[in-house]
Protein backbone atom coordinates (compact mmCIF):
# COMPACT_ATOMS: atom_id res chain seq x y z
CA MET A 1 120.98 99.97 75.79
CA SER A 2 118.05 99.24 73.05
CA ALA A 3 114.34 100.71 72.89
CA PRO A 4 111.57 99.86 74.99
CA ASP A 5 109.35 97.12 73.54
CA LEU A 6 106.27 98.96 74.76
CA VAL A 7 106.23 102.91 75.93
CA VAL A 8 103.92 103.89 78.67
CA VAL A 9 103.14 107.93 78.50
CA GLY A 10 100.53 109.06 81.40
CA ASN A 11 100.43 109.82 84.72
CA LEU A 12 101.78 108.61 88.33
CA LEU A 13 99.22 110.06 91.09
CA VAL A 14 98.78 109.56 94.59
CA ASP A 15 95.72 108.18 95.45
CA ASP A 16 93.40 108.67 98.38
CA LEU A 17 90.90 105.97 98.29
CA VAL A 18 87.50 105.63 99.87
CA TYR A 19 85.26 102.92 99.45
CA ASP A 20 81.05 102.74 99.35
CA ASP A 21 81.16 100.78 102.62
CA GLY A 22 83.61 103.13 104.37
CA ARG A 23 87.19 101.67 104.17
CA THR A 24 89.84 104.21 103.38
CA ARG A 25 93.41 103.63 102.46
CA MET A 26 95.42 106.99 101.85
CA ALA A 27 98.06 107.88 100.40
CA GLN A 28 98.70 105.19 98.01
CA PRO A 29 100.85 105.16 95.46
CA GLY A 30 98.80 105.22 91.58
CA GLY A 31 98.48 106.53 88.58
CA ALA A 32 97.66 104.82 85.50
CA LEU A 33 101.48 104.51 84.71
CA LEU A 34 101.91 102.26 87.88
CA HIS A 35 99.50 99.68 87.07
CA ALA A 36 100.01 99.75 83.17
CA ALA A 37 103.91 98.99 83.73
CA LEU A 38 103.36 96.03 86.25
CA GLY A 39 100.41 95.03 83.58
CA ALA A 40 102.82 94.58 80.62
CA SER A 41 106.04 94.11 82.34
CA VAL A 42 104.66 90.91 83.84
CA TRP A 43 104.12 89.23 80.15
CA GLY A 44 108.23 89.61 80.13
CA THR A 45 107.27 93.07 77.62
CA LYS A 46 110.18 95.38 78.14
CA VAL A 47 108.33 98.81 79.42
CA GLY A 48 109.72 102.27 79.60
CA LEU A 49 107.28 105.00 81.05
CA VAL A 50 107.39 108.59 80.32
CA SER A 51 105.71 111.03 83.08
CA ILE A 52 106.07 113.67 85.57
CA VAL A 53 106.30 112.68 88.88
CA GLY A 54 106.03 114.91 92.08
CA SER A 55 108.71 115.00 95.04
CA ASP A 56 105.88 112.89 96.93
CA TYR A 57 105.18 110.03 95.00
CA PRO A 58 106.26 106.79 97.34
CA ARG A 59 110.00 106.12 95.78
CA GLU A 60 108.92 102.08 96.95
CA ALA A 61 106.50 102.14 94.06
CA LEU A 62 109.27 103.41 91.50
CA GLN A 63 111.78 100.73 92.77
CA ILE A 64 108.97 98.06 92.53
CA MET A 65 109.06 99.27 88.73
CA ALA A 66 112.79 99.35 88.28
CA ASP A 67 113.02 95.82 89.91
CA ARG A 68 110.64 94.34 87.10
CA GLY A 69 112.70 95.88 84.42
CA VAL A 70 111.10 98.70 83.53
CA SER A 71 112.74 101.69 82.43
CA LEU A 72 112.62 105.15 84.36
CA GLU A 73 114.47 107.38 82.05
CA GLY A 74 111.37 109.26 80.72
CA LEU A 75 110.55 110.07 84.59
CA ARG A 76 110.86 114.12 84.91
CA HIS A 77 111.01 114.62 88.97
CA LEU A 78 109.44 117.64 90.48
CA GLU A 79 110.55 119.15 93.41
CA THR A 80 107.41 120.03 94.58
CA PRO A 81 104.51 117.40 95.34
CA GLY A 82 102.52 116.37 92.35
CA VAL A 83 98.60 115.44 91.66
CA ARG A 84 97.06 113.79 94.56
CA VAL A 85 93.78 112.71 94.01
CA TRP A 86 90.53 111.26 96.32
CA LEU A 87 88.94 108.30 94.47
CA LEU A 88 85.55 107.50 95.96
CA TYR A 89 83.77 104.05 95.29
CA GLU A 90 79.73 104.65 95.33
CA ASN A 91 77.11 102.32 93.58
CA GLY A 92 79.41 100.58 91.61
CA ALA A 93 81.21 103.86 90.32
CA ARG A 94 84.16 105.56 90.65
CA ARG A 95 84.70 109.30 90.87
CA MET A 96 88.12 111.26 91.04
CA ILE A 97 88.12 114.23 92.71
CA PRO A 98 91.95 116.53 92.91
CA ARG A 99 92.93 117.50 96.26
CA LEU A 100 93.44 121.53 96.55
CA GLY A 101 97.00 123.05 96.31
CA ARG A 102 98.35 120.81 93.76
CA PRO A 103 99.14 121.13 90.14
CA SER A 104 96.72 120.60 87.84
CA HIS A 105 96.44 117.29 85.86
CA GLU A 106 98.01 119.49 82.60
CA ASP A 107 101.27 120.25 84.59
CA VAL A 108 101.77 116.56 85.30
CA SER A 109 100.92 115.26 81.96
CA PRO A 110 103.96 115.00 79.82
CA LEU A 111 104.33 116.11 75.84
CA PRO A 112 106.35 114.74 73.23
CA ALA A 113 109.22 116.51 73.96
CA HIS A 114 109.63 114.58 77.14
CA VAL A 115 109.86 111.55 75.45
CA PRO A 116 113.43 110.54 75.78
CA LYS A 117 115.20 109.57 72.46
CA LEU A 118 116.02 106.27 73.21
CA TYR A 119 111.98 105.45 73.09
CA ARG A 120 111.53 107.23 70.21
CA ASP A 121 112.32 103.66 68.34
CA ALA A 122 110.08 101.78 70.46
CA PRO A 123 107.48 99.55 68.29
CA ALA A 124 104.46 100.18 70.41
CA PHE A 125 103.42 103.55 72.47
CA HIS A 126 100.34 103.20 74.97
CA VAL A 127 99.03 106.70 75.90
CA ALA A 128 97.14 105.92 79.16
CA PRO A 129 94.51 108.26 80.79
CA MET A 130 95.43 112.18 80.80
CA PRO A 131 93.87 115.35 79.48
CA LEU A 132 92.76 114.52 75.50
CA SER A 133 94.95 117.76 74.60
CA ARG A 134 97.78 116.00 75.66
CA GLN A 135 96.88 112.81 74.65
CA ARG A 136 96.17 113.98 70.89
CA ALA A 137 99.74 115.63 70.96
CA MET A 138 101.14 112.21 71.80
CA VAL A 139 99.33 110.60 69.26
CA GLU A 140 100.24 112.79 66.43
CA ALA A 141 103.62 113.04 67.41
CA PHE A 142 104.12 109.07 67.26
CA GLY A 143 101.18 107.64 65.64
CA HIS A 144 102.96 107.10 61.78
CA GLY A 145 104.41 104.39 60.63
CA ASP A 146 104.28 100.70 61.56
CA ARG A 147 104.62 101.48 65.32
CA LEU A 148 101.56 100.59 67.59
CA VAL A 149 100.05 103.24 69.05
CA SER A 150 96.94 102.88 71.43
CA LEU A 151 94.93 105.78 73.28
CA ASP A 152 93.35 104.77 76.72
CA PRO A 153 91.39 108.36 77.40
CA CYS A 154 90.05 109.56 80.80
CA GLU A 155 87.74 112.39 79.42
CA PRO A 156 84.70 110.78 78.00
CA LEU A 157 83.58 110.23 74.43
CA SER A 158 80.49 112.62 74.03
CA LEU A 159 79.06 114.66 71.26
CA GLU A 160 81.21 117.73 72.13
CA THR A 161 84.51 115.04 72.16
CA LEU A 162 83.42 112.74 69.35
CA THR A 163 85.24 114.79 66.09
CA VAL A 164 88.00 114.92 68.65
CA PHE A 165 88.31 111.18 68.74
CA GLN A 166 87.86 110.36 65.32
CA GLU A 167 90.65 112.65 64.53
CA CYS A 168 92.92 110.63 66.90
CA SER A 169 92.10 107.79 64.93
CA ASN A 170 94.45 108.45 62.03
CA HIS A 171 96.86 108.10 64.50
CA THR A 172 95.82 105.29 66.85
CA ASP A 173 96.09 101.24 66.34
CA VAL A 174 94.18 100.21 69.29
CA VAL A 175 91.36 102.82 71.01
CA PHE A 176 90.02 101.86 74.88
CA LEU A 177 86.92 102.70 76.39
CA SER A 178 85.18 102.11 79.27
CA ASP A 179 80.95 102.47 80.80
CA ASP A 180 82.12 105.59 82.43
CA GLU A 181 84.44 106.85 79.45
CA ILE A 182 81.34 106.98 77.13
CA ASP A 183 78.54 109.81 77.61
CA ILE A 184 76.58 109.79 74.16
CA PRO A 185 73.11 108.51 73.65
CA SER A 186 74.47 105.75 70.86
CA ARG A 187 77.05 104.18 72.38
CA ALA A 188 77.26 101.10 69.63
CA GLU A 189 77.15 103.66 66.92
CA ALA A 190 79.59 106.04 68.39
CA LEU A 191 82.63 103.67 69.12
CA ALA A 192 82.06 101.68 65.56
CA SER A 193 82.82 105.15 63.99
CA LEU A 194 86.11 105.30 66.06
CA VAL A 195 87.22 102.31 63.35
CA ARG A 196 88.36 104.59 60.61
CA GLY A 197 91.48 105.77 59.94
CA ARG A 198 94.39 103.58 60.74
CA THR A 199 92.52 102.48 63.79
CA ARG A 200 91.91 98.65 63.90
CA TYR A 201 90.54 97.85 67.57
CA VAL A 202 88.00 99.71 69.74
CA LEU A 203 87.78 97.88 72.75
CA HIS A 204 84.59 98.82 75.17
CA LYS A 205 85.59 97.30 78.42
CA ARG A 206 82.92 96.45 80.88
CA GLY A 207 84.40 95.16 83.56
CA ARG A 208 83.23 91.86 85.41
CA GLU A 209 81.12 91.33 82.23
CA GLY A 210 83.95 91.33 79.70
CA GLY A 211 83.34 93.37 76.65
CA THR A 212 83.10 93.70 72.92
CA VAL A 213 85.73 94.76 70.46
CA TYR A 214 84.77 96.82 67.21
CA LEU A 215 86.15 96.01 64.20
CA ALA A 216 86.10 97.41 60.48
CA GLY A 217 83.51 96.16 58.49
CA SER A 218 80.48 96.96 61.27
CA ARG A 219 82.09 93.53 62.99
CA THR A 220 82.15 93.00 66.61
CA ARG A 221 83.87 90.06 68.78
CA THR A 222 83.40 89.40 72.66
CA TRP A 223 85.31 88.76 75.43
CA SER A 224 84.38 87.07 78.66
CA ALA A 225 85.88 88.22 82.21
CA CYS A 226 88.42 85.83 84.21
CA PRO A 227 86.63 85.25 87.03
CA ALA A 228 88.26 86.78 90.08
CA ASN A 229 87.22 87.56 93.55
CA GLU A 230 87.13 91.36 93.77
CA ILE A 231 88.42 93.52 96.54
CA ASP A 232 89.68 96.20 94.83
CA PRO A 233 88.93 97.67 90.89
CA THR A 234 91.95 100.53 91.41
CA GLY A 235 93.52 99.99 88.15
CA ALA A 236 92.10 96.98 86.22
CA GLY A 237 91.37 98.43 83.45
CA ASP A 238 94.92 100.02 82.87
CA VAL A 239 96.41 96.33 83.49
CA PHE A 240 94.17 95.49 80.84
CA ALA A 241 95.02 98.01 78.32
CA ALA A 242 98.65 97.67 79.27
CA ALA A 243 98.30 93.61 78.69
CA PHE A 244 96.80 93.82 75.76
CA MET A 245 99.40 96.40 74.15
CA ALA A 246 102.19 94.06 75.23
CA SER A 247 100.54 90.96 73.69
CA LEU A 248 100.36 92.75 70.14
CA ALA A 249 103.76 94.31 70.69
CA ASN A 250 104.99 91.08 70.61
CA GLY A 251 103.15 89.54 67.47
CA THR A 252 100.00 87.42 69.16
CA SER A 253 96.82 87.23 67.88
CA LEU A 254 93.52 89.45 69.06
CA GLU A 255 92.44 86.24 70.77
CA ASP A 256 95.14 86.10 72.73
CA ALA A 257 96.15 89.20 73.48
CA LEU A 258 92.57 89.99 74.63
CA SER A 259 92.73 86.70 76.98
CA ARG A 260 95.88 88.01 78.59
CA ALA A 261 94.52 91.19 79.15
CA ALA A 262 91.38 89.77 80.89
CA ALA A 263 93.38 86.80 82.82
CA SER A 264 95.58 89.60 83.82
CA ALA A 265 92.83 92.32 84.80
CA SER A 266 91.03 89.63 86.99
CA ARG A 267 94.31 88.99 88.95
CA ALA A 268 94.72 92.94 89.46
CA VAL A 269 91.21 93.38 90.79
CA GLU A 270 92.12 90.51 93.95
CA GLY A 271 93.98 92.93 96.44
CA ILE A 272 94.58 96.53 97.13
CA GLY A 273 95.86 98.64 94.60
CA SER A 274 98.59 97.14 92.57
CA GLU A 275 99.71 94.63 94.70
CA SER A 276 98.01 91.33 93.04
CA ILE A 277 99.52 92.09 89.91
CA ARG A 278 102.79 93.10 91.16
CA ASP A 279 103.25 89.68 92.85
CA SER A 280 101.71 87.70 89.95
CA THR A 281 103.80 85.79 87.95
CA GLN A 282 103.64 85.04 83.67
CA SER A 283 102.67 81.46 84.67
CA ASP A 284 100.38 81.93 87.43
CA LEU A 285 98.30 84.34 84.45
CA GLU A 286 98.41 81.76 81.54
CA ARG A 287 97.09 79.00 83.94
CA ARG A 288 94.52 81.35 84.80
CA ARG A 289 93.76 82.65 80.81
CA LEU A 290 93.58 78.72 79.72
CA GLU A 291 90.86 77.91 82.19
CA ALA A 292 88.80 80.97 81.78
CA PRO A 293 85.49 80.20 80.03
CA ALA A 294 85.66 81.64 76.19
CA GLY A 295 84.50 84.95 74.94
């Protein structure tokens, strides 16, 4: 058995969704890894997951990923329920509130020692949202040599965490940040300051408004979002990041990686949870990205 093309490290959580129009969806399979695995594998990338999963995580979701060719060898299974969260959507923003009586976020976030030996030869690692201390341990352990490593945080970039993010730049090639993950007065200056060490790209994701890539030499590049009939934004950012990394790992250009990621994210929002990206094909997404407006 060969190593995956892309290892994705992070969480598999159970979501209870509450939308601002009163709709609810309870006990949904979620977590960044579900969306990221589907977002990368649809492009033909061989994905391996590393996570700690609770006994209550829907087994059909694990089977869906396995059917897509995603390797689940890096999952550690708890004998007890895992983390379950409320995802509350209000006024265009999302809040994640852990349910009581469950393990902590750190309890279900893997450490470098949890990465299977086979995965350690993978050419690319994507460290999905989980506590910053665990993310830092991962990028320090695997961010060396020619391996591509990306970081997608859940803790905000702030005056208190800026130094930690900058230190992580010595071990990451790509950093993803969305609007609700930036809590600092001079956003552009702070994002540009992360292009240091080995970091080549810092992507500021802005949903339906597209986004900006910060590059070395104080350069930037923008991209446009693909048109979409938005139903549920859950997981779109995770799909975007994983599709982008899958594309880079396959040797595509920055422009192609951005257009593939944008097409994937636009598809992801057109159904509930992971339904739309789960049912997508590479040819569907190729057609969508080629028809999208230029960045």
